[in-house]
Amino acid sequence: MHVLTVVSHPNQKSFSHALAHSFRKGAEETGNTVEIADLHAEEFDPIWSMSDVEHAEGAAVPDDIRKEQVRIERCDAVCLVFPLYWFGMPAMMKGWIDRVWSWGWAYDQLEDHNKSLQKPRTIVLLVPAGANPNEWEPYASIEQSMKNIWCIGTLGYFGFNDKRVHMLNGATGSLTRRKALLKTAYQAGMDMKKA
């Protein structure tokens, strides 16, 4: 299986990048191939613009978007890695989704707004958050809302038949805690053999 891992964090020494590499190691150890798409290093433009509107109306697909779509077309699973930012995705990741998973390529809103134009795939979200896991209880309902938005709303139109969200609380915590989160990411990669 080929897994596209998309990372959204400007610092390549960040914990988000460490999680992506740990995931990659686990996935590759079970025989998968993994491609890392580092949105910041590749200078992806996340701004939804008039060219995107024109593309949705039948104009040619912008070159930068076609490049991303080709990556997706050749993968069997996707892993998104991004830090929780104000209880959502950072703008770079959201912009990548907004621009790349476009109408007419990812889904057809007119004929059947619930039908994806993409093949069935697994998606894994690795979402590090600085919050102490022992203090997260008041946010449990917000976490469920985020998962609903991501899994039912955003990603629900793109053919993902297996959605796995890992909220990784305590990412700014102790070394012991961070090692445990890296192990979770590694195991998520290992679990790709079950996809």
N, C-alpha and C. Protein backbone atom coordinates (compact mmCIF):
# COMPACT_ATOMS: atom_id res chain seq x y z
N MET A 1 0.84 -1.17 0.00
CA MET A 1 0.00 0.00 0.00
C MET A 1 0.89 1.24 0.00
N HIS A 2 0.45 2.28 -0.71
CA HIS A 2 1.19 3.54 -0.75
C HIS A 2 0.41 4.59 0.06
N VAL A 3 1.10 5.22 1.01
CA VAL A 3 0.47 6.18 1.92
C VAL A 3 1.04 7.57 1.67
N LEU A 4 0.15 8.52 1.41
CA LEU A 4 0.55 9.92 1.30
C LEU A 4 0.39 10.56 2.67
N THR A 5 1.49 11.07 3.23
CA THR A 5 1.46 11.72 4.53
C THR A 5 1.69 13.21 4.33
N VAL A 6 0.68 14.00 4.68
CA VAL A 6 0.71 15.45 4.45
C VAL A 6 0.93 16.13 5.80
N VAL A 7 2.00 16.92 5.87
CA VAL A 7 2.38 17.58 7.13
C VAL A 7 2.21 19.08 7.00
N SER A 8 1.57 19.67 8.01
CA SER A 8 1.41 21.11 8.04
C SER A 8 2.02 21.67 9.33
N HIS A 9 3.27 22.05 9.24
CA HIS A 9 3.95 22.77 10.32
C HIS A 9 5.19 23.42 9.71
N PRO A 10 5.39 24.73 9.94
CA PRO A 10 6.52 25.41 9.29
C PRO A 10 7.89 25.00 9.81
N ASN A 11 7.95 24.43 11.00
CA ASN A 11 9.24 24.07 11.59
C ASN A 11 9.49 22.57 11.39
N GLN A 12 10.52 22.24 10.61
CA GLN A 12 10.80 20.84 10.34
C GLN A 12 11.32 20.11 11.57
N LYS A 13 11.67 20.84 12.63
CA LYS A 13 12.09 20.22 13.88
C LYS A 13 10.94 20.12 14.88
N SER A 14 9.75 20.40 14.43
CA SER A 14 8.58 20.38 15.30
C SER A 14 8.18 18.97 15.70
N PHE A 15 7.35 18.90 16.72
CA PHE A 15 6.83 17.60 17.16
C PHE A 15 5.91 17.02 16.09
N SER A 16 5.21 17.87 15.34
CA SER A 16 4.36 17.38 14.25
C SER A 16 5.19 16.60 13.24
N HIS A 17 6.35 17.14 12.87
CA HIS A 17 7.23 16.44 11.92
C HIS A 17 7.77 15.14 12.53
N ALA A 18 8.08 15.18 13.82
CA ALA A 18 8.55 13.97 14.49
C ALA A 18 7.46 12.89 14.46
N LEU A 19 6.21 13.29 14.66
CA LEU A 19 5.10 12.34 14.59
C LEU A 19 4.97 11.76 13.19
N ALA A 20 5.11 12.61 12.17
CA ALA A 20 5.00 12.14 10.78
C ALA A 20 6.09 11.10 10.48
N HIS A 21 7.29 11.34 10.97
CA HIS A 21 8.38 10.40 10.72
C HIS A 21 8.20 9.10 11.51
N SER A 22 7.64 9.20 12.69
CA SER A 22 7.36 8.01 13.48
C SER A 22 6.27 7.17 12.80
N PHE A 23 5.24 7.85 12.29
CA PHE A 23 4.18 7.17 11.54
C PHE A 23 4.77 6.48 10.31
N ARG A 24 5.63 7.21 9.60
CA ARG A 24 6.26 6.66 8.40
C ARG A 24 7.05 5.39 8.72
N LYS A 25 7.81 5.44 9.80
CA LYS A 25 8.62 4.28 10.19
C LYS A 25 7.73 3.07 10.43
N GLY A 26 6.64 3.26 11.17
CA GLY A 26 5.72 2.15 11.43
C GLY A 26 5.09 1.61 10.16
N ALA A 27 4.67 2.51 9.28
CA ALA A 27 4.02 2.10 8.03
C ALA A 27 4.99 1.33 7.14
N GLU A 28 6.23 1.83 7.04
CA GLU A 28 7.21 1.17 6.18
C GLU A 28 7.64 -0.19 6.73
N GLU A 29 7.64 -0.33 8.06
CA GLU A 29 8.02 -1.61 8.66
C GLU A 29 7.01 -2.72 8.38
N THR A 30 5.81 -2.34 7.97
CA THR A 30 4.81 -3.35 7.62
C THR A 30 4.69 -3.51 6.10
N GLY A 31 5.66 -2.96 5.36
CA GLY A 31 5.71 -3.18 3.92
C GLY A 31 5.07 -2.12 3.06
N ASN A 32 4.59 -1.05 3.67
CA ASN A 32 3.99 0.04 2.90
C ASN A 32 5.07 0.98 2.38
N THR A 33 4.73 1.75 1.36
CA THR A 33 5.58 2.86 0.93
C THR A 33 4.91 4.14 1.42
N VAL A 34 5.73 5.14 1.76
CA VAL A 34 5.19 6.39 2.31
C VAL A 34 5.84 7.57 1.59
N GLU A 35 5.01 8.48 1.16
CA GLU A 35 5.47 9.74 0.58
C GLU A 35 5.10 10.86 1.54
N ILE A 36 6.06 11.70 1.89
CA ILE A 36 5.80 12.84 2.77
C ILE A 36 5.62 14.09 1.92
N ALA A 37 4.51 14.77 2.12
CA ALA A 37 4.26 16.06 1.50
C ALA A 37 4.36 17.12 2.60
N ASP A 38 5.44 17.87 2.60
CA ASP A 38 5.66 18.92 3.60
C ASP A 38 5.17 20.23 2.98
N LEU A 39 3.97 20.63 3.34
CA LEU A 39 3.33 21.76 2.68
C LEU A 39 4.12 23.06 2.80
N HIS A 40 4.73 23.29 3.95
CA HIS A 40 5.51 24.53 4.13
C HIS A 40 6.81 24.48 3.34
N ALA A 41 7.53 23.38 3.43
CA ALA A 41 8.81 23.27 2.72
C ALA A 41 8.59 23.36 1.21
N GLU A 42 7.46 22.84 0.74
CA GLU A 42 7.15 22.86 -0.69
C GLU A 42 6.49 24.17 -1.11
N GLU A 43 6.25 25.05 -0.14
CA GLU A 43 5.65 26.37 -0.38
C GLU A 43 4.29 26.27 -1.09
N PHE A 44 3.48 25.34 -0.61
CA PHE A 44 2.12 25.23 -1.15
C PHE A 44 1.36 26.51 -0.85
N ASP A 45 0.62 27.00 -1.82
CA ASP A 45 -0.19 28.20 -1.64
C ASP A 45 -1.59 27.79 -1.18
N PRO A 46 -1.94 28.06 0.09
CA PRO A 46 -3.23 27.60 0.61
C PRO A 46 -4.40 28.55 0.32
N ILE A 47 -4.12 29.65 -0.35
CA ILE A 47 -5.16 30.68 -0.52
C ILE A 47 -6.09 30.32 -1.67
N TRP A 48 -7.35 30.12 -1.34
CA TRP A 48 -8.39 29.86 -2.33
C TRP A 48 -8.57 31.14 -3.13
N SER A 49 -8.39 31.04 -4.44
CA SER A 49 -8.39 32.25 -5.27
C SER A 49 -9.34 32.12 -6.45
N MET A 50 -9.36 33.16 -7.27
CA MET A 50 -10.23 33.16 -8.43
C MET A 50 -9.91 32.03 -9.39
N SER A 51 -8.64 31.62 -9.48
CA SER A 51 -8.31 30.50 -10.37
C SER A 51 -8.97 29.21 -9.89
N ASP A 52 -9.14 29.09 -8.57
CA ASP A 52 -9.83 27.92 -8.03
C ASP A 52 -11.32 27.96 -8.35
N VAL A 53 -11.89 29.16 -8.28
CA VAL A 53 -13.31 29.33 -8.63
C VAL A 53 -13.51 29.00 -10.11
N GLU A 54 -12.64 29.52 -10.95
CA GLU A 54 -12.74 29.27 -12.39
C GLU A 54 -12.55 27.79 -12.70
N HIS A 55 -11.65 27.14 -11.97
CA HIS A 55 -11.45 25.69 -12.15
C HIS A 55 -12.74 24.94 -11.84
N ALA A 56 -13.41 25.32 -10.77
CA ALA A 56 -14.68 24.66 -10.40
C ALA A 56 -15.76 24.90 -11.46
N GLU A 57 -15.59 25.97 -12.23
CA GLU A 57 -16.57 26.30 -13.28
C GLU A 57 -16.16 25.75 -14.64
N GLY A 58 -15.09 24.92 -14.68
CA GLY A 58 -14.71 24.26 -15.92
C GLY A 58 -13.39 24.66 -16.53
N ALA A 59 -12.71 25.65 -15.95
CA ALA A 59 -11.40 26.04 -16.48
C ALA A 59 -10.36 24.98 -16.13
N ALA A 60 -9.19 25.11 -16.72
CA ALA A 60 -8.11 24.15 -16.48
C ALA A 60 -7.72 24.13 -15.01
N VAL A 61 -7.31 22.96 -14.55
CA VAL A 61 -6.86 22.81 -13.16
C VAL A 61 -5.52 23.51 -13.02
N PRO A 62 -5.35 24.38 -12.00
CA PRO A 62 -4.05 25.02 -11.78
C PRO A 62 -2.96 23.95 -11.58
N ASP A 63 -1.76 24.23 -12.09
CA ASP A 63 -0.67 23.24 -12.06
C ASP A 63 -0.36 22.76 -10.66
N ASP A 64 -0.35 23.68 -9.67
CA ASP A 64 0.00 23.26 -8.31
C ASP A 64 -1.04 22.32 -7.73
N ILE A 65 -2.29 22.50 -8.12
CA ILE A 65 -3.36 21.63 -7.63
C ILE A 65 -3.30 20.27 -8.32
N ARG A 66 -3.04 20.27 -9.62
CA ARG A 66 -2.95 19.00 -10.34
C ARG A 66 -1.83 18.14 -9.78
N LYS A 67 -0.71 18.78 -9.40
CA LYS A 67 0.40 18.04 -8.79
C LYS A 67 -0.06 17.31 -7.53
N GLU A 68 -0.83 17.99 -6.69
CA GLU A 68 -1.32 17.37 -5.45
C GLU A 68 -2.34 16.27 -5.76
N GLN A 69 -3.20 16.50 -6.73
CA GLN A 69 -4.20 15.50 -7.08
C GLN A 69 -3.55 14.22 -7.62
N VAL A 70 -2.47 14.37 -8.38
CA VAL A 70 -1.76 13.20 -8.88
C VAL A 70 -1.18 12.40 -7.72
N ARG A 71 -0.65 13.11 -6.72
CA ARG A 71 -0.15 12.41 -5.52
C ARG A 71 -1.25 11.59 -4.87
N ILE A 72 -2.42 12.18 -4.77
CA ILE A 72 -3.54 11.50 -4.13
C ILE A 72 -3.99 10.32 -4.98
N GLU A 73 -4.05 10.51 -6.29
CA GLU A 73 -4.52 9.44 -7.17
C GLU A 73 -3.65 8.19 -7.07
N ARG A 74 -2.37 8.36 -6.79
CA ARG A 74 -1.50 7.18 -6.73
C ARG A 74 -1.41 6.57 -5.33
N CYS A 75 -2.07 7.16 -4.34
CA CYS A 75 -1.99 6.60 -2.99
C CYS A 75 -3.21 5.75 -2.66
N ASP A 76 -3.01 4.87 -1.69
CA ASP A 76 -4.08 4.00 -1.21
C ASP A 76 -4.63 4.47 0.13
N ALA A 77 -3.89 5.34 0.79
CA ALA A 77 -4.29 5.87 2.10
C ALA A 77 -3.63 7.24 2.28
N VAL A 78 -4.22 8.03 3.16
CA VAL A 78 -3.72 9.38 3.43
C VAL A 78 -3.57 9.55 4.93
N CYS A 79 -2.49 10.21 5.34
CA CYS A 79 -2.30 10.58 6.73
C CYS A 79 -2.09 12.09 6.78
N LEU A 80 -2.89 12.79 7.55
CA LEU A 80 -2.74 14.23 7.75
C LEU A 80 -2.15 14.47 9.13
N VAL A 81 -1.08 15.27 9.19
CA VAL A 81 -0.44 15.59 10.46
C VAL A 81 -0.43 17.10 10.61
N PHE A 82 -1.10 17.59 11.64
CA PHE A 82 -1.16 19.03 11.88
C PHE A 82 -1.43 19.28 13.36
N PRO A 83 -0.85 20.36 13.91
CA PRO A 83 -1.13 20.66 15.31
C PRO A 83 -2.53 21.24 15.46
N LEU A 84 -3.16 20.93 16.58
CA LEU A 84 -4.45 21.54 16.88
C LEU A 84 -4.22 23.04 17.07
N TYR A 85 -4.92 23.84 16.30
CA TYR A 85 -4.70 25.28 16.29
C TYR A 85 -6.03 25.97 16.47
N TRP A 86 -6.25 26.55 17.66
CA TRP A 86 -7.53 27.18 17.99
C TRP A 86 -8.69 26.21 17.71
N PHE A 87 -8.54 24.98 18.14
CA PHE A 87 -9.56 23.94 18.00
C PHE A 87 -9.91 23.68 16.53
N GLY A 88 -8.91 23.70 15.69
CA GLY A 88 -9.13 23.39 14.28
C GLY A 88 -7.81 23.10 13.58
N MET A 89 -7.88 23.04 12.26
CA MET A 89 -6.70 22.84 11.44
C MET A 89 -6.00 24.17 11.22
N PRO A 90 -4.68 24.19 11.13
CA PRO A 90 -3.99 25.42 10.72
C PRO A 90 -4.40 25.77 9.29
N ALA A 91 -4.26 27.04 8.94
CA ALA A 91 -4.70 27.53 7.64
C ALA A 91 -4.06 26.78 6.47
N MET A 92 -2.79 26.39 6.61
CA MET A 92 -2.11 25.69 5.52
C MET A 92 -2.81 24.37 5.20
N MET A 93 -3.14 23.58 6.21
CA MET A 93 -3.82 22.30 5.98
C MET A 93 -5.23 22.52 5.45
N LYS A 94 -5.94 23.46 6.05
CA LYS A 94 -7.31 23.74 5.59
C LYS A 94 -7.29 24.21 4.15
N GLY A 95 -6.33 25.08 3.79
CA GLY A 95 -6.22 25.56 2.42
C GLY A 95 -5.88 24.45 1.45
N TRP A 96 -5.04 23.50 1.88
CA TRP A 96 -4.71 22.36 1.02
C TRP A 96 -5.98 21.56 0.72
N ILE A 97 -6.79 21.33 1.74
CA ILE A 97 -8.04 20.60 1.54
C ILE A 97 -8.98 21.42 0.65
N ASP A 98 -9.13 22.70 0.94
CA ASP A 98 -10.04 23.56 0.17
C ASP A 98 -9.70 23.56 -1.31
N ARG A 99 -8.42 23.67 -1.62
CA ARG A 99 -8.01 23.82 -3.01
C ARG A 99 -7.87 22.49 -3.75
N VAL A 100 -7.35 21.47 -3.08
CA VAL A 100 -7.01 20.22 -3.77
C VAL A 100 -8.21 19.30 -3.95
N TRP A 101 -9.00 19.15 -2.90
CA TRP A 101 -10.14 18.23 -2.97
C TRP A 101 -11.33 18.95 -3.58
N SER A 102 -11.23 19.25 -4.83
CA SER A 102 -12.18 20.15 -5.49
C SER A 102 -13.39 19.44 -6.10
N TRP A 103 -14.42 20.24 -6.27
CA TRP A 103 -15.65 19.79 -6.91
C TRP A 103 -15.31 19.36 -8.34
N GLY A 104 -15.84 18.23 -8.74
CA GLY A 104 -15.60 17.73 -10.08
C GLY A 104 -14.44 16.75 -10.13
N TRP A 105 -13.61 16.78 -9.09
CA TRP A 105 -12.51 15.81 -8.99
C TRP A 105 -12.71 14.92 -7.77
N ALA A 106 -13.01 15.52 -6.62
CA ALA A 106 -13.20 14.75 -5.39
C ALA A 106 -14.65 14.35 -5.18
N TYR A 107 -15.57 15.19 -5.61
CA TYR A 107 -17.00 14.93 -5.40
C TYR A 107 -17.80 15.67 -6.45
N ASP A 108 -19.07 15.28 -6.59
CA ASP A 108 -19.99 15.93 -7.54
C ASP A 108 -21.21 16.36 -6.76
N GLN A 109 -21.28 17.63 -6.48
CA GLN A 109 -22.34 18.15 -5.62
C GLN A 109 -23.70 18.16 -6.29
N LEU A 110 -23.74 18.19 -7.61
CA LEU A 110 -25.02 18.31 -8.30
C LEU A 110 -25.75 16.98 -8.43
N GLU A 111 -25.07 15.95 -8.89
CA GLU A 111 -25.75 14.68 -9.11
C GLU A 111 -26.06 13.96 -7.81
N ASP A 112 -25.09 13.91 -6.91
CA ASP A 112 -25.29 13.29 -5.60
C ASP A 112 -24.25 13.86 -4.66
N HIS A 113 -24.66 14.81 -3.83
CA HIS A 113 -23.69 15.51 -2.98
C HIS A 113 -23.03 14.61 -1.94
N ASN A 114 -23.56 13.42 -1.75
CA ASN A 114 -22.95 12.48 -0.81
C ASN A 114 -21.99 11.51 -1.48
N LYS A 115 -21.93 11.52 -2.82
CA LYS A 115 -21.11 10.55 -3.54
C LYS A 115 -19.74 11.13 -3.85
N SER A 116 -18.72 10.38 -3.49
CA SER A 116 -17.35 10.78 -3.81
C SER A 116 -17.00 10.30 -5.20
N LEU A 117 -16.11 11.03 -5.85
CA LEU A 117 -15.57 10.61 -7.13
C LEU A 117 -14.24 9.88 -6.94
N GLN A 118 -13.82 9.74 -5.69
CA GLN A 118 -12.55 9.10 -5.37
C GLN A 118 -12.77 7.64 -4.95
N LYS A 119 -11.71 6.83 -5.11
CA LYS A 119 -11.80 5.44 -4.68
C LYS A 119 -11.82 5.38 -3.15
N PRO A 120 -12.34 4.31 -2.58
CA PRO A 120 -12.33 4.17 -1.12
C PRO A 120 -10.89 4.12 -0.60
N ARG A 121 -10.64 4.85 0.48
CA ARG A 121 -9.31 4.90 1.09
C ARG A 121 -9.46 5.01 2.60
N THR A 122 -8.34 4.76 3.27
CA THR A 122 -8.23 5.02 4.70
C THR A 122 -7.59 6.38 4.89
N ILE A 123 -8.03 7.11 5.91
CA ILE A 123 -7.37 8.35 6.28
C ILE A 123 -7.07 8.32 7.78
N VAL A 124 -5.88 8.78 8.12
CA VAL A 124 -5.45 8.87 9.51
C VAL A 124 -5.14 10.33 9.79
N LEU A 125 -5.64 10.86 10.90
CA LEU A 125 -5.29 12.20 11.35
C LEU A 125 -4.48 12.08 12.63
N LEU A 126 -3.28 12.66 12.62
CA LEU A 126 -2.45 12.75 13.82
C LEU A 126 -2.44 14.21 14.22
N VAL A 127 -3.06 14.51 15.36
CA VAL A 127 -3.30 15.90 15.75
C VAL A 127 -2.69 16.15 17.14
N PRO A 128 -1.44 16.62 17.17
CA PRO A 128 -0.84 16.94 18.47
C PRO A 128 -1.46 18.20 19.06
N ALA A 129 -1.69 18.16 20.36
CA ALA A 129 -2.25 19.31 21.08
C ALA A 129 -1.45 19.50 22.36
N GLY A 130 -1.23 20.74 22.72
CA GLY A 130 -0.44 21.03 23.91
C GLY A 130 -1.16 20.76 25.22
N ALA A 131 -2.47 20.61 25.16
CA ALA A 131 -3.25 20.46 26.39
C ALA A 131 -2.84 19.22 27.18
N ASN A 132 -2.79 19.38 28.47
CA ASN A 132 -2.52 18.26 29.36
C ASN A 132 -3.67 17.27 29.26
N PRO A 133 -3.41 15.99 28.98
CA PRO A 133 -4.50 15.03 28.84
C PRO A 133 -5.34 14.89 30.11
N ASN A 134 -4.75 15.18 31.26
CA ASN A 134 -5.50 15.09 32.52
C ASN A 134 -6.46 16.26 32.71
N GLU A 135 -6.30 17.29 31.89
CA GLU A 135 -7.17 18.47 31.99
C GLU A 135 -8.06 18.63 30.76
N TRP A 136 -8.17 17.60 29.96
CA TRP A 136 -8.89 17.69 28.68
C TRP A 136 -10.39 17.44 28.83
N GLU A 137 -10.82 16.86 29.93
CA GLU A 137 -12.22 16.48 30.11
C GLU A 137 -13.22 17.59 29.76
N PRO A 138 -12.99 18.85 30.16
CA PRO A 138 -13.96 19.89 29.79
C PRO A 138 -14.09 20.11 28.29
N TYR A 139 -13.09 19.63 27.54
CA TYR A 139 -13.09 19.83 26.09
C TYR A 139 -13.55 18.60 25.31
N ALA A 140 -14.01 17.58 26.01
CA ALA A 140 -14.40 16.33 25.35
C ALA A 140 -15.50 16.56 24.32
N SER A 141 -16.46 17.42 24.62
CA SER A 141 -17.54 17.66 23.67
C SER A 141 -17.02 18.45 22.46
N ILE A 142 -16.05 19.33 22.68
CA ILE A 142 -15.46 20.06 21.55
C ILE A 142 -14.67 19.09 20.68
N GLU A 143 -13.95 18.18 21.31
CA GLU A 143 -13.20 17.18 20.53
C GLU A 143 -14.15 16.37 19.66
N GLN A 144 -15.29 15.96 20.21
CA GLN A 144 -16.25 15.19 19.40
C GLN A 144 -16.78 16.04 18.25
N SER A 145 -17.02 17.33 18.52
CA SER A 145 -17.49 18.23 17.45
C SER A 145 -16.44 18.35 16.34
N MET A 146 -15.17 18.48 16.73
CA MET A 146 -14.10 18.57 15.72
C MET A 146 -14.06 17.30 14.89
N LYS A 147 -14.14 16.15 15.54
CA LYS A 147 -14.12 14.89 14.81
C LYS A 147 -15.30 14.79 13.85
N ASN A 148 -16.47 15.26 14.28
CA ASN A 148 -17.64 15.25 13.40
C ASN A 148 -17.42 16.16 12.20
N ILE A 149 -16.87 17.35 12.44
CA ILE A 149 -16.62 18.29 11.34
C ILE A 149 -15.62 17.68 10.36
N TRP A 150 -14.53 17.12 10.90
CA TRP A 150 -13.50 16.55 10.02
C TRP A 150 -13.98 15.29 9.32
N CYS A 151 -14.56 14.36 10.06
CA CYS A 151 -14.88 13.04 9.50
C CYS A 151 -16.19 12.99 8.72
N ILE A 152 -17.18 13.71 9.19
CA ILE A 152 -18.49 13.69 8.51
C ILE A 152 -18.56 14.83 7.51
N GLY A 153 -18.18 16.03 7.96
CA GLY A 153 -18.27 17.19 7.09
C GLY A 153 -17.18 17.23 6.06
N THR A 154 -15.99 17.62 6.46
CA THR A 154 -14.89 17.83 5.52
C THR A 154 -14.52 16.57 4.74
N LEU A 155 -14.12 15.54 5.43
CA LEU A 155 -13.59 14.34 4.77
C LEU A 155 -14.68 13.36 4.35
N GLY A 156 -15.89 13.64 4.72
CA GLY A 156 -17.00 12.74 4.41
C GLY A 156 -17.36 12.68 2.95
N TYR A 157 -16.87 13.61 2.16
CA TYR A 157 -17.21 13.67 0.74
C TYR A 157 -16.13 13.09 -0.16
N PHE A 158 -15.04 12.58 0.41
CA PHE A 158 -13.86 12.27 -0.40
C PHE A 158 -13.55 10.78 -0.50
N GLY A 159 -14.51 9.93 -0.22
CA GLY A 159 -14.31 8.50 -0.41
C GLY A 159 -13.62 7.77 0.72
N PHE A 160 -13.34 8.45 1.82
CA PHE A 160 -12.66 7.78 2.93
C PHE A 160 -13.65 6.89 3.66
N ASN A 161 -13.46 5.59 3.53
CA ASN A 161 -14.37 4.65 4.18
C ASN A 161 -13.87 4.21 5.55
N ASP A 162 -12.64 4.60 5.89
CA ASP A 162 -12.06 4.26 7.20
C ASP A 162 -11.34 5.52 7.69
N LYS A 163 -11.89 6.16 8.70
CA LYS A 163 -11.33 7.42 9.22
C LYS A 163 -10.86 7.19 10.65
N ARG A 164 -9.57 7.46 10.89
CA ARG A 164 -8.95 7.23 12.19
C ARG A 164 -8.34 8.53 12.70
N VAL A 165 -8.90 9.07 13.77
CA VAL A 165 -8.42 10.34 14.33
C VAL A 165 -7.72 10.08 15.66
N HIS A 166 -6.47 10.54 15.75
CA HIS A 166 -5.69 10.41 16.98
C HIS A 166 -5.43 11.81 17.54
N MET A 167 -6.16 12.17 18.59
CA MET A 167 -5.89 13.42 19.30
C MET A 167 -4.75 13.14 20.27
N LEU A 168 -3.63 13.81 20.07
CA LEU A 168 -2.41 13.52 20.82
C LEU A 168 -2.15 14.62 21.85
N ASN A 169 -2.90 14.59 22.92
CA ASN A 169 -2.80 15.60 23.97
C ASN A 169 -1.51 15.44 24.77
N GLY A 170 -0.98 16.56 25.20
CA GLY A 170 0.23 16.54 25.99
C GLY A 170 1.49 16.64 25.15
N ALA A 171 1.35 17.14 23.92
CA ALA A 171 2.49 17.22 23.00
C ALA A 171 3.59 18.16 23.47
N THR A 172 3.24 19.07 24.36
CA THR A 172 4.26 19.97 24.91
C THR A 172 4.66 19.54 26.32
N GLY A 173 4.29 18.35 26.69
CA GLY A 173 4.54 17.86 28.04
C GLY A 173 5.90 17.23 28.23
N SER A 174 5.97 16.32 29.15
CA SER A 174 7.23 15.68 29.54
C SER A 174 7.78 14.83 28.41
N LEU A 175 9.05 14.52 28.51
CA LEU A 175 9.70 13.65 27.53
C LEU A 175 9.02 12.28 27.50
N THR A 176 8.64 11.79 28.66
CA THR A 176 7.95 10.49 28.74
C THR A 176 6.64 10.53 27.96
N ARG A 177 5.90 11.61 28.17
CA ARG A 177 4.61 11.75 27.47
C ARG A 177 4.83 11.86 25.96
N ARG A 178 5.81 12.65 25.54
CA ARG A 178 6.07 12.83 24.12
C ARG A 178 6.51 11.51 23.47
N LYS A 179 7.30 10.73 24.18
CA LYS A 179 7.70 9.42 23.65
C LYS A 179 6.48 8.52 23.47
N ALA A 180 5.54 8.60 24.39
CA ALA A 180 4.32 7.80 24.29
C ALA A 180 3.50 8.22 23.07
N LEU A 181 3.47 9.53 22.79
CA LEU A 181 2.73 10.00 21.62
C LEU A 181 3.42 9.58 20.33
N LEU A 182 4.75 9.61 20.31
CA LEU A 182 5.48 9.14 19.14
C LEU A 182 5.21 7.65 18.90
N LYS A 183 5.09 6.90 20.00
CA LYS A 183 4.77 5.47 19.89
C LYS A 183 3.37 5.28 19.32
N THR A 184 2.43 6.15 19.71
CA THR A 184 1.07 6.10 19.15
C THR A 184 1.10 6.32 17.64
N ALA A 185 1.90 7.30 17.21
CA ALA A 185 2.02 7.58 15.78
C ALA A 185 2.65 6.39 15.05
N TYR A 186 3.67 5.81 15.66
CA TYR A 186 4.33 4.63 15.09
C TYR A 186 3.31 3.49 14.94
N GLN A 187 2.51 3.26 15.98
CA GLN A 187 1.51 2.20 15.94
C GLN A 187 0.46 2.49 14.88
N ALA A 188 0.08 3.77 14.72
CA ALA A 188 -0.88 4.13 13.67
C ALA A 188 -0.31 3.78 12.30
N GLY A 189 1.00 3.95 12.12
CA GLY A 189 1.64 3.53 10.89
C GLY A 189 1.63 2.03 10.73
N MET A 190 1.95 1.31 11.81
CA MET A 190 1.92 -0.15 11.78
C MET A 190 0.52 -0.65 11.42
N ASP A 191 -0.49 0.04 11.92
CA ASP A 191 -1.88 -0.38 11.68
C ASP A 191 -2.33 -0.19 10.24
N MET A 192 -1.51 0.45 9.42
CA MET A 192 -1.87 0.61 8.02
C MET A 192 -1.94 -0.73 7.30
N LYS A 193 -1.31 -1.74 7.86
CA LYS A 193 -1.40 -3.08 7.26
C LYS A 193 -2.84 -3.60 7.34
N LYS A 194 -3.64 -2.99 8.25
CA LYS A 194 -5.01 -3.42 8.43
C LYS A 194 -5.98 -2.60 7.59
N ALA A 195 -5.45 -1.65 6.85
CA ALA A 195 -6.32 -0.77 6.05
C ALA A 195 -6.86 -1.49 4.83
